[in-house]
């Protein structure tokens, strides 16, 4: 199982707000730390809000590529519905050259919708935009010259797209939330699947992941081609009590704030305890507990190939995040190999 980190490039650490310059420098330091600790992948999300600095993930990842050696560098996710697939491919092909073949893209429709008015798109076209642009992106990835026509973008007639990625087939994952159509689409296309699970019990996604695998096999893809990744909130500390004490206040504050914006009730400690329990989504605790929980989740879902922690969403300091990254690399990853 590959292990990584996803970040939304937050400039908020609890009650402390960093300058954008300092927040970006600390984020790059964490990517370097993850590389040195032996993690497999680091992903940068895409948002267009004041509290996040990740509106241009390929730029951040390119800066990280110049400072790292082996870790794979990915989006998490690229909001393809409001992006130009030509530019997405060019940006990540360039990243692939800079990183010497370590670039990946996770594409999705996006759970936040601020990019739609920003770039002149309408929410009523939410799914149609994504379907069309995904088709174009995969064609560009697989063919140097493109002839293509669609509804939302000018046609391309025998148009070459440069630069080409160093990897023969730039990895493109499909990021999904909870709609059966998205899981089936990923399987039919034979794309690796990245499932964002941020609430409830992880095992409830088993029927959807089974749907993905069934659709992929019916489309002629081999089981080993149908990779499954999970993205969930989490944090590793030296003990379970320490992890909970450091993580809960910021987590509760953030999700209560989001609840006010989206009509959800405030977070309670009872809910938090369920989420951090054996079947809950929060990957929170000591290295031993987290490793055991990861393997339990993998078994309940029929096997997972990658897991990424989303950690900078709970007011944790840069130092706390660095310590967690070190524990993941030095203790969680070896324990996964030992317990498996």
Protein backbone atom coordinates (compact mmCIF):
# COMPACT_ATOMS: atom_id res chain seq x y z
CA UNK A 1 0.00 0.00 0.00
CA UNK A 2 1.38 3.42 -1.00
CA UNK A 3 1.10 6.11 1.68
CA UNK A 4 1.00 9.85 1.13
CA UNK A 5 -0.20 13.27 2.20
CA UNK A 6 -2.72 15.61 0.57
CA UNK A 7 -2.70 19.32 1.34
CA UNK A 8 -4.94 22.27 0.53
CA UNK A 9 -2.09 24.70 1.26
CA UNK A 10 -3.86 26.28 4.20
CA UNK A 11 -2.39 29.44 5.71
CA UNK A 12 -4.39 28.92 8.94
CA UNK A 13 -2.95 27.16 12.00
CA UNK A 14 -5.66 27.36 14.63
CA UNK A 15 -5.90 30.98 15.73
CA UNK A 16 -2.67 31.86 13.93
CA UNK A 17 -2.67 33.15 10.37
CA UNK A 18 0.65 33.05 8.56
CA UNK A 19 1.69 35.29 5.72
CA UNK A 20 1.20 33.63 2.37
CA UNK A 21 4.95 33.60 1.83
CA UNK A 22 5.64 31.80 5.12
CA UNK A 23 2.76 29.33 4.63
CA UNK A 24 4.01 28.39 1.18
CA UNK A 25 7.59 27.96 2.39
CA UNK A 26 6.42 25.70 5.22
CA UNK A 27 4.31 23.64 2.81
CA UNK A 28 7.34 23.07 0.58
CA UNK A 29 9.37 22.10 3.65
CA UNK A 30 6.73 19.47 4.49
CA UNK A 31 6.87 18.02 1.00
CA UNK A 32 10.65 17.74 1.33
CA UNK A 33 10.18 16.09 4.75
CA UNK A 34 7.72 13.60 3.27
CA UNK A 35 10.22 12.76 0.54
CA UNK A 36 13.00 12.23 3.06
CA UNK A 37 10.74 10.17 5.36
CA UNK A 38 9.98 7.70 2.59
CA UNK A 39 6.36 8.57 1.81
CA UNK A 40 5.20 7.65 -1.68
CA UNK A 41 3.13 10.61 -2.83
CA UNK A 42 2.24 14.22 -1.96
CA UNK A 43 -0.88 15.81 -3.43
CA UNK A 44 -2.00 19.43 -3.67
CA UNK A 45 -5.69 20.28 -3.96
CA UNK A 46 -7.36 23.07 -5.92
CA UNK A 47 -9.43 25.80 -4.30
CA UNK A 48 -10.10 29.44 -5.06
CA UNK A 49 -10.71 30.78 -1.55
CA UNK A 50 -8.87 33.23 0.68
CA UNK A 51 -7.87 30.64 3.29
CA UNK A 52 -6.13 28.34 0.78
CA UNK A 53 -3.11 28.89 -1.45
CA UNK A 54 -3.67 25.99 -3.84
CA UNK A 55 -5.31 27.68 -6.83
CA UNK A 56 -2.33 26.67 -9.02
CA UNK A 57 -1.31 23.19 -7.79
CA UNK A 58 1.04 22.42 -10.69
CA UNK A 59 3.12 25.50 -9.82
CA UNK A 60 3.48 24.39 -6.18
CA UNK A 61 4.31 20.85 -7.24
CA UNK A 62 6.94 22.08 -9.69
CA UNK A 63 8.63 24.03 -6.91
CA UNK A 64 8.54 20.85 -4.81
CA UNK A 65 9.93 18.80 -7.70
CA UNK A 66 13.10 20.89 -7.69
CA UNK A 67 13.64 20.13 -4.00
CA UNK A 68 12.74 16.42 -3.86
CA UNK A 69 14.19 13.19 -5.25
CA UNK A 70 11.74 10.29 -5.25
CA UNK A 71 8.26 11.19 -3.97
CA UNK A 72 5.48 11.25 -6.56
CA UNK A 73 3.75 14.63 -6.99
CA UNK A 74 0.04 14.82 -7.69
CA UNK A 75 -2.99 17.07 -7.75
CA UNK A 76 -5.69 16.31 -5.18
CA UNK A 77 -7.87 17.08 -7.10
CA UNK A 78 -7.71 19.14 -10.31
CA UNK A 79 -11.22 20.55 -10.88
CA UNK A 80 -11.38 19.43 -14.49
CA UNK A 81 -14.90 20.70 -15.11
CA UNK A 82 -13.67 24.31 -14.97
CA UNK A 83 -10.21 23.75 -16.46
CA UNK A 84 -8.94 23.51 -20.01
CA UNK A 85 -7.75 19.92 -20.58
CA UNK A 86 -5.04 21.15 -22.94
CA UNK A 87 -3.53 23.33 -20.21
CA UNK A 88 -3.99 20.64 -17.57
CA UNK A 89 -2.01 18.20 -19.67
CA UNK A 90 0.66 20.78 -20.54
CA UNK A 91 1.07 21.81 -16.90
CA UNK A 92 1.45 18.26 -15.62
CA UNK A 93 3.59 17.14 -18.56
CA UNK A 94 5.92 20.03 -17.67
CA UNK A 95 5.86 18.92 -14.03
CA UNK A 96 6.68 15.40 -15.22
CA UNK A 97 9.76 16.69 -17.04
CA UNK A 98 10.92 18.78 -14.08
CA UNK A 99 10.43 15.87 -11.67
CA UNK A 100 11.93 13.28 -14.04
CA UNK A 101 8.77 11.22 -14.28
CA UNK A 102 7.09 11.68 -10.89
CA UNK A 103 3.93 13.58 -11.89
CA UNK A 104 0.36 12.37 -11.53
CA UNK A 105 -3.07 13.99 -11.91
CA UNK A 106 -6.21 13.29 -9.89
CA UNK A 107 -9.16 14.85 -11.72
CA UNK A 108 -12.66 15.41 -10.39
CA UNK A 109 -15.71 17.64 -10.55
CA UNK A 110 -14.88 19.30 -7.24
CA UNK A 111 -16.93 19.44 -4.05
CA UNK A 112 -16.53 23.23 -3.81
CA UNK A 113 -18.06 25.25 -6.63
CA UNK A 114 -16.33 28.64 -6.48
CA UNK A 115 -14.41 27.94 -9.68
CA UNK A 116 -17.60 27.81 -11.80
CA UNK A 117 -18.48 31.53 -11.70
CA UNK A 118 -14.79 32.44 -11.56
CA UNK A 119 -14.09 30.83 -14.93
CA UNK A 120 -17.48 31.48 -16.54
CA UNK A 121 -19.14 28.07 -16.27
CA UNK A 122 -22.64 27.15 -15.09
CA UNK A 123 -23.43 24.62 -12.38
CA UNK A 124 -26.24 23.16 -14.46
CA UNK A 125 -23.49 21.76 -16.73
CA UNK A 126 -21.67 20.17 -13.77
CA UNK A 127 -21.55 16.60 -15.09
CA UNK A 128 -21.59 17.33 -18.82
CA UNK A 129 -18.54 19.56 -18.47
CA UNK A 130 -16.60 16.89 -16.64
CA UNK A 131 -17.53 14.07 -19.01
CA UNK A 132 -16.49 16.04 -22.09
CA UNK A 133 -13.26 17.38 -20.62
CA UNK A 134 -12.21 14.02 -19.23
CA UNK A 135 -12.60 12.53 -22.70
CA UNK A 136 -10.36 15.24 -24.17
CA UNK A 137 -7.73 14.98 -21.43
CA UNK A 138 -7.37 11.22 -21.88
CA UNK A 139 -7.11 11.62 -25.64
CA UNK A 140 -4.38 14.23 -25.26
CA UNK A 141 -2.58 11.97 -22.78
CA UNK A 142 -2.64 9.07 -25.26
CA UNK A 143 -2.17 10.90 -28.60
CA UNK A 144 0.32 13.57 -29.65
CA UNK A 145 -1.98 15.08 -32.30
CA UNK A 146 -5.68 15.54 -31.64
CA UNK A 147 -8.78 15.95 -33.78
CA UNK A 148 -11.69 16.54 -31.45
CA UNK A 149 -14.94 18.48 -31.15
CA UNK A 150 -17.20 19.15 -28.17
CA UNK A 151 -19.77 21.55 -26.75
CA UNK A 152 -17.79 23.55 -24.20
CA UNK A 153 -14.47 24.14 -25.94
CA UNK A 154 -13.36 25.10 -29.48
CA UNK A 155 -12.63 22.13 -31.72
CA UNK A 156 -9.12 20.83 -32.36
CA UNK A 157 -8.16 19.74 -35.87
CA UNK A 158 -4.99 17.65 -36.18
CA UNK A 159 -3.52 19.78 -33.39
CA UNK A 160 -0.30 18.58 -31.72
CA UNK A 161 -0.08 19.13 -27.96
CA UNK A 162 3.32 19.85 -26.39
CA UNK A 163 5.32 19.23 -24.31
CA UNK A 164 4.86 15.50 -23.94
CA UNK A 165 5.24 13.91 -20.50
CA UNK A 166 8.35 11.90 -19.71
CA UNK A 167 6.19 8.98 -18.59
CA UNK A 168 4.78 7.14 -21.58
CA UNK A 169 1.33 7.30 -20.01
CA UNK A 170 0.95 10.13 -17.50
CA UNK A 171 -1.07 8.66 -14.58
CA UNK A 172 -4.56 10.16 -14.40
CA UNK A 173 -6.69 9.10 -11.43
CA UNK A 174 -10.41 9.77 -11.15
CA UNK A 175 -11.32 11.45 -7.86
CA UNK A 176 -14.83 10.56 -6.67
CA UNK A 177 -17.15 11.29 -3.76
CA UNK A 178 -20.18 9.04 -3.52
CA UNK A 179 -22.14 8.82 -6.78
CA UNK A 180 -22.43 5.35 -8.37
CA UNK A 181 -22.11 6.89 -11.85
CA UNK A 182 -18.62 8.20 -11.03
CA UNK A 183 -17.41 4.81 -9.78
CA UNK A 184 -18.82 3.02 -12.82
CA UNK A 185 -17.27 5.63 -15.15
CA UNK A 186 -13.82 5.11 -13.66
CA UNK A 187 -14.12 1.34 -14.07
CA UNK A 188 -15.36 1.52 -17.64
CA UNK A 189 -12.40 3.75 -18.54
CA UNK A 190 -9.93 1.59 -16.60
CA UNK A 191 -8.78 4.58 -14.58
CA UNK A 192 -7.28 4.30 -11.08
CA UNK A 193 -9.82 5.47 -8.51
CA UNK A 194 -9.22 7.95 -5.68
CA UNK A 195 -12.12 7.93 -3.20
CA UNK A 196 -12.49 10.95 -0.93
CA UNK A 197 -14.10 9.71 2.30
CA UNK A 198 -14.48 12.46 4.90
CA UNK A 199 -17.32 11.23 7.08
CA UNK A 200 -19.09 8.14 8.40
CA UNK A 201 -17.68 4.62 8.24
CA UNK A 202 -15.21 3.78 5.51
CA UNK A 203 -16.62 0.30 4.84
CA UNK A 204 -19.91 1.77 3.58
CA UNK A 205 -18.09 2.46 0.29
CA UNK A 206 -17.56 -1.26 -0.41
CA UNK A 207 -20.60 -1.59 -2.75
CA UNK A 208 -19.41 1.39 -4.80
CA UNK A 209 -15.86 0.07 -5.05
CA UNK A 210 -17.26 -3.33 -6.06
CA UNK A 211 -19.24 -1.49 -8.77
CA UNK A 212 -16.01 0.10 -10.00
CA UNK A 213 -14.21 -3.22 -10.19
CA UNK A 214 -17.13 -4.96 -11.90
CA UNK A 215 -17.42 -2.18 -14.50
CA UNK A 216 -13.69 -2.33 -15.14
CA UNK A 217 -13.63 -6.09 -15.58
CA UNK A 218 -16.65 -5.96 -17.91
CA UNK A 219 -14.76 -3.37 -19.98
CA UNK A 220 -11.85 -5.79 -20.32
CA UNK A 221 -9.41 -4.43 -17.74
CA UNK A 222 -7.41 -6.74 -15.50
CA UNK A 223 -7.86 -6.54 -11.70
CA UNK A 224 -4.31 -5.22 -11.26
CA UNK A 225 -5.14 -2.29 -13.56
CA UNK A 226 -8.05 -1.20 -11.35
CA UNK A 227 -6.24 0.56 -8.53
CA UNK A 228 -8.12 2.01 -5.55
CA UNK A 229 -6.89 4.87 -3.40
CA UNK A 230 -8.46 6.50 -0.32
CA UNK A 231 -8.19 10.10 0.84
CA UNK A 232 -9.35 10.79 4.41
CA UNK A 233 -8.58 13.15 7.29
CA UNK A 234 -6.02 11.89 9.75
CA UNK A 235 -3.09 12.59 12.03
CA UNK A 236 -0.43 10.42 13.66
CA UNK A 237 1.13 11.24 17.04
CA UNK A 238 3.24 9.30 19.51
CA UNK A 239 0.14 8.10 21.40
CA UNK A 240 -3.60 7.86 20.86
CA UNK A 241 -4.38 10.37 23.60
CA UNK A 242 -1.88 12.87 22.21
CA UNK A 243 -3.26 12.56 18.69
CA UNK A 244 -6.84 13.17 19.87
CA UNK A 245 -5.89 16.06 22.17
CA UNK A 246 -4.01 17.85 19.40
CA UNK A 247 -6.41 17.10 16.56
CA UNK A 248 -9.89 17.46 18.05
CA UNK A 249 -10.04 21.22 18.82
CA UNK A 250 -9.11 22.34 15.33
CA UNK A 251 -11.17 19.64 13.64
CA UNK A 252 -14.26 20.60 15.65
CA UNK A 253 -13.77 24.29 14.90
CA UNK A 254 -13.32 23.74 11.15
CA UNK A 255 -16.24 21.39 10.64
CA UNK A 256 -18.58 23.47 12.80
CA UNK A 257 -17.67 26.48 10.64
CA UNK A 258 -18.31 24.50 7.46
CA UNK A 259 -21.58 23.33 8.97
CA UNK A 260 -22.77 26.90 9.41
CA UNK A 261 -22.01 27.56 5.75
CA UNK A 262 -23.65 24.37 4.43
CA UNK A 263 -26.48 23.79 6.89
CA UNK A 264 -24.92 20.99 8.96
CA UNK A 265 -25.25 20.71 12.76
CA UNK A 266 -22.22 21.50 14.94
CA UNK A 267 -19.66 18.76 15.59
CA UNK A 268 -20.11 16.93 18.91
CA UNK A 269 -17.53 14.94 20.84
CA UNK A 270 -19.71 11.84 20.49
CA UNK A 271 -19.64 12.16 16.71
CA UNK A 272 -15.89 12.70 16.77
CA UNK A 273 -15.39 9.59 18.92
CA UNK A 274 -17.37 7.52 16.40
CA UNK A 275 -15.35 8.90 13.48
CA UNK A 276 -12.07 8.13 15.23
CA UNK A 277 -13.23 4.67 16.31
CA UNK A 278 -12.31 1.34 14.64
CA UNK A 279 -14.64 1.75 11.64
CA UNK A 280 -14.73 5.55 11.49
CA UNK A 281 -13.15 7.59 8.73
CA UNK A 282 -10.61 9.53 10.82
CA UNK A 283 -7.17 7.92 10.54
CA UNK A 284 -6.14 9.21 13.94
CA UNK A 285 -3.89 7.84 16.67
CA UNK A 286 -0.55 6.22 17.40
CA UNK A 287 1.46 4.58 14.58
CA UNK A 288 0.33 1.13 15.72
CA UNK A 289 -3.36 2.06 15.83
CA UNK A 290 -3.23 3.85 12.47
CA UNK A 291 -1.41 0.97 10.75
CA UNK A 292 -3.93 -1.55 12.10
CA UNK A 293 -6.84 0.65 11.05
CA UNK A 294 -5.44 1.14 7.56
CA UNK A 295 -5.15 -2.60 7.06
CA UNK A 296 -8.64 -3.13 8.48
CA UNK A 297 -10.08 -0.56 6.07
CA UNK A 298 -8.20 -2.15 3.18
CA UNK A 299 -9.60 -5.57 4.01
CA UNK A 300 -13.14 -4.22 4.34
CA UNK A 301 -12.90 -2.65 0.87
CA UNK A 302 -11.37 -5.65 -0.86
CA UNK A 303 -7.88 -4.15 -0.90
CA UNK A 304 -6.60 -0.62 -1.43
CA UNK A 305 -3.46 0.44 -3.25
CA UNK A 306 -2.92 3.94 -1.84
CA UNK A 307 -3.92 6.00 1.18
CA UNK A 308 -3.41 9.76 1.56
CA UNK A 309 -3.77 11.66 4.84
CA UNK A 310 -5.44 15.09 4.77
CA UNK A 311 -3.82 16.66 7.87
CA UNK A 312 -3.69 20.43 7.48
CA UNK A 313 -7.39 20.89 8.23
CA UNK A 314 -7.35 20.88 12.03
CA UNK A 315 -5.34 23.90 13.11
CA UNK A 316 -2.17 21.85 13.57
CA UNK A 317 1.14 23.70 13.64
CA UNK A 318 3.89 23.22 11.09
CA UNK A 319 5.98 21.45 13.75
CA UNK A 320 3.12 19.05 14.59
CA UNK A 321 2.61 18.25 10.91
CA UNK A 322 6.33 17.59 10.44
CA UNK A 323 6.35 15.24 13.44
CA UNK A 324 3.36 13.37 12.05
CA UNK A 325 5.01 13.00 8.64
CA UNK A 326 8.13 11.60 10.32
CA UNK A 327 6.06 9.07 12.31
CA UNK A 328 4.21 7.97 9.18
CA UNK A 329 7.48 7.36 7.36
CA UNK A 330 9.50 5.79 10.16
CA UNK A 331 6.80 3.80 11.95
CA UNK A 332 3.45 3.51 10.11
CA UNK A 333 4.87 2.39 6.76
CA UNK A 334 7.16 -0.30 8.30
CA UNK A 335 4.26 -1.51 10.47
CA UNK A 336 2.05 -1.90 7.41
CA UNK A 337 4.66 -4.21 5.89
CA UNK A 338 5.02 -6.11 9.16
CA UNK A 339 1.29 -6.54 9.81
CA UNK A 340 0.32 -7.37 6.21
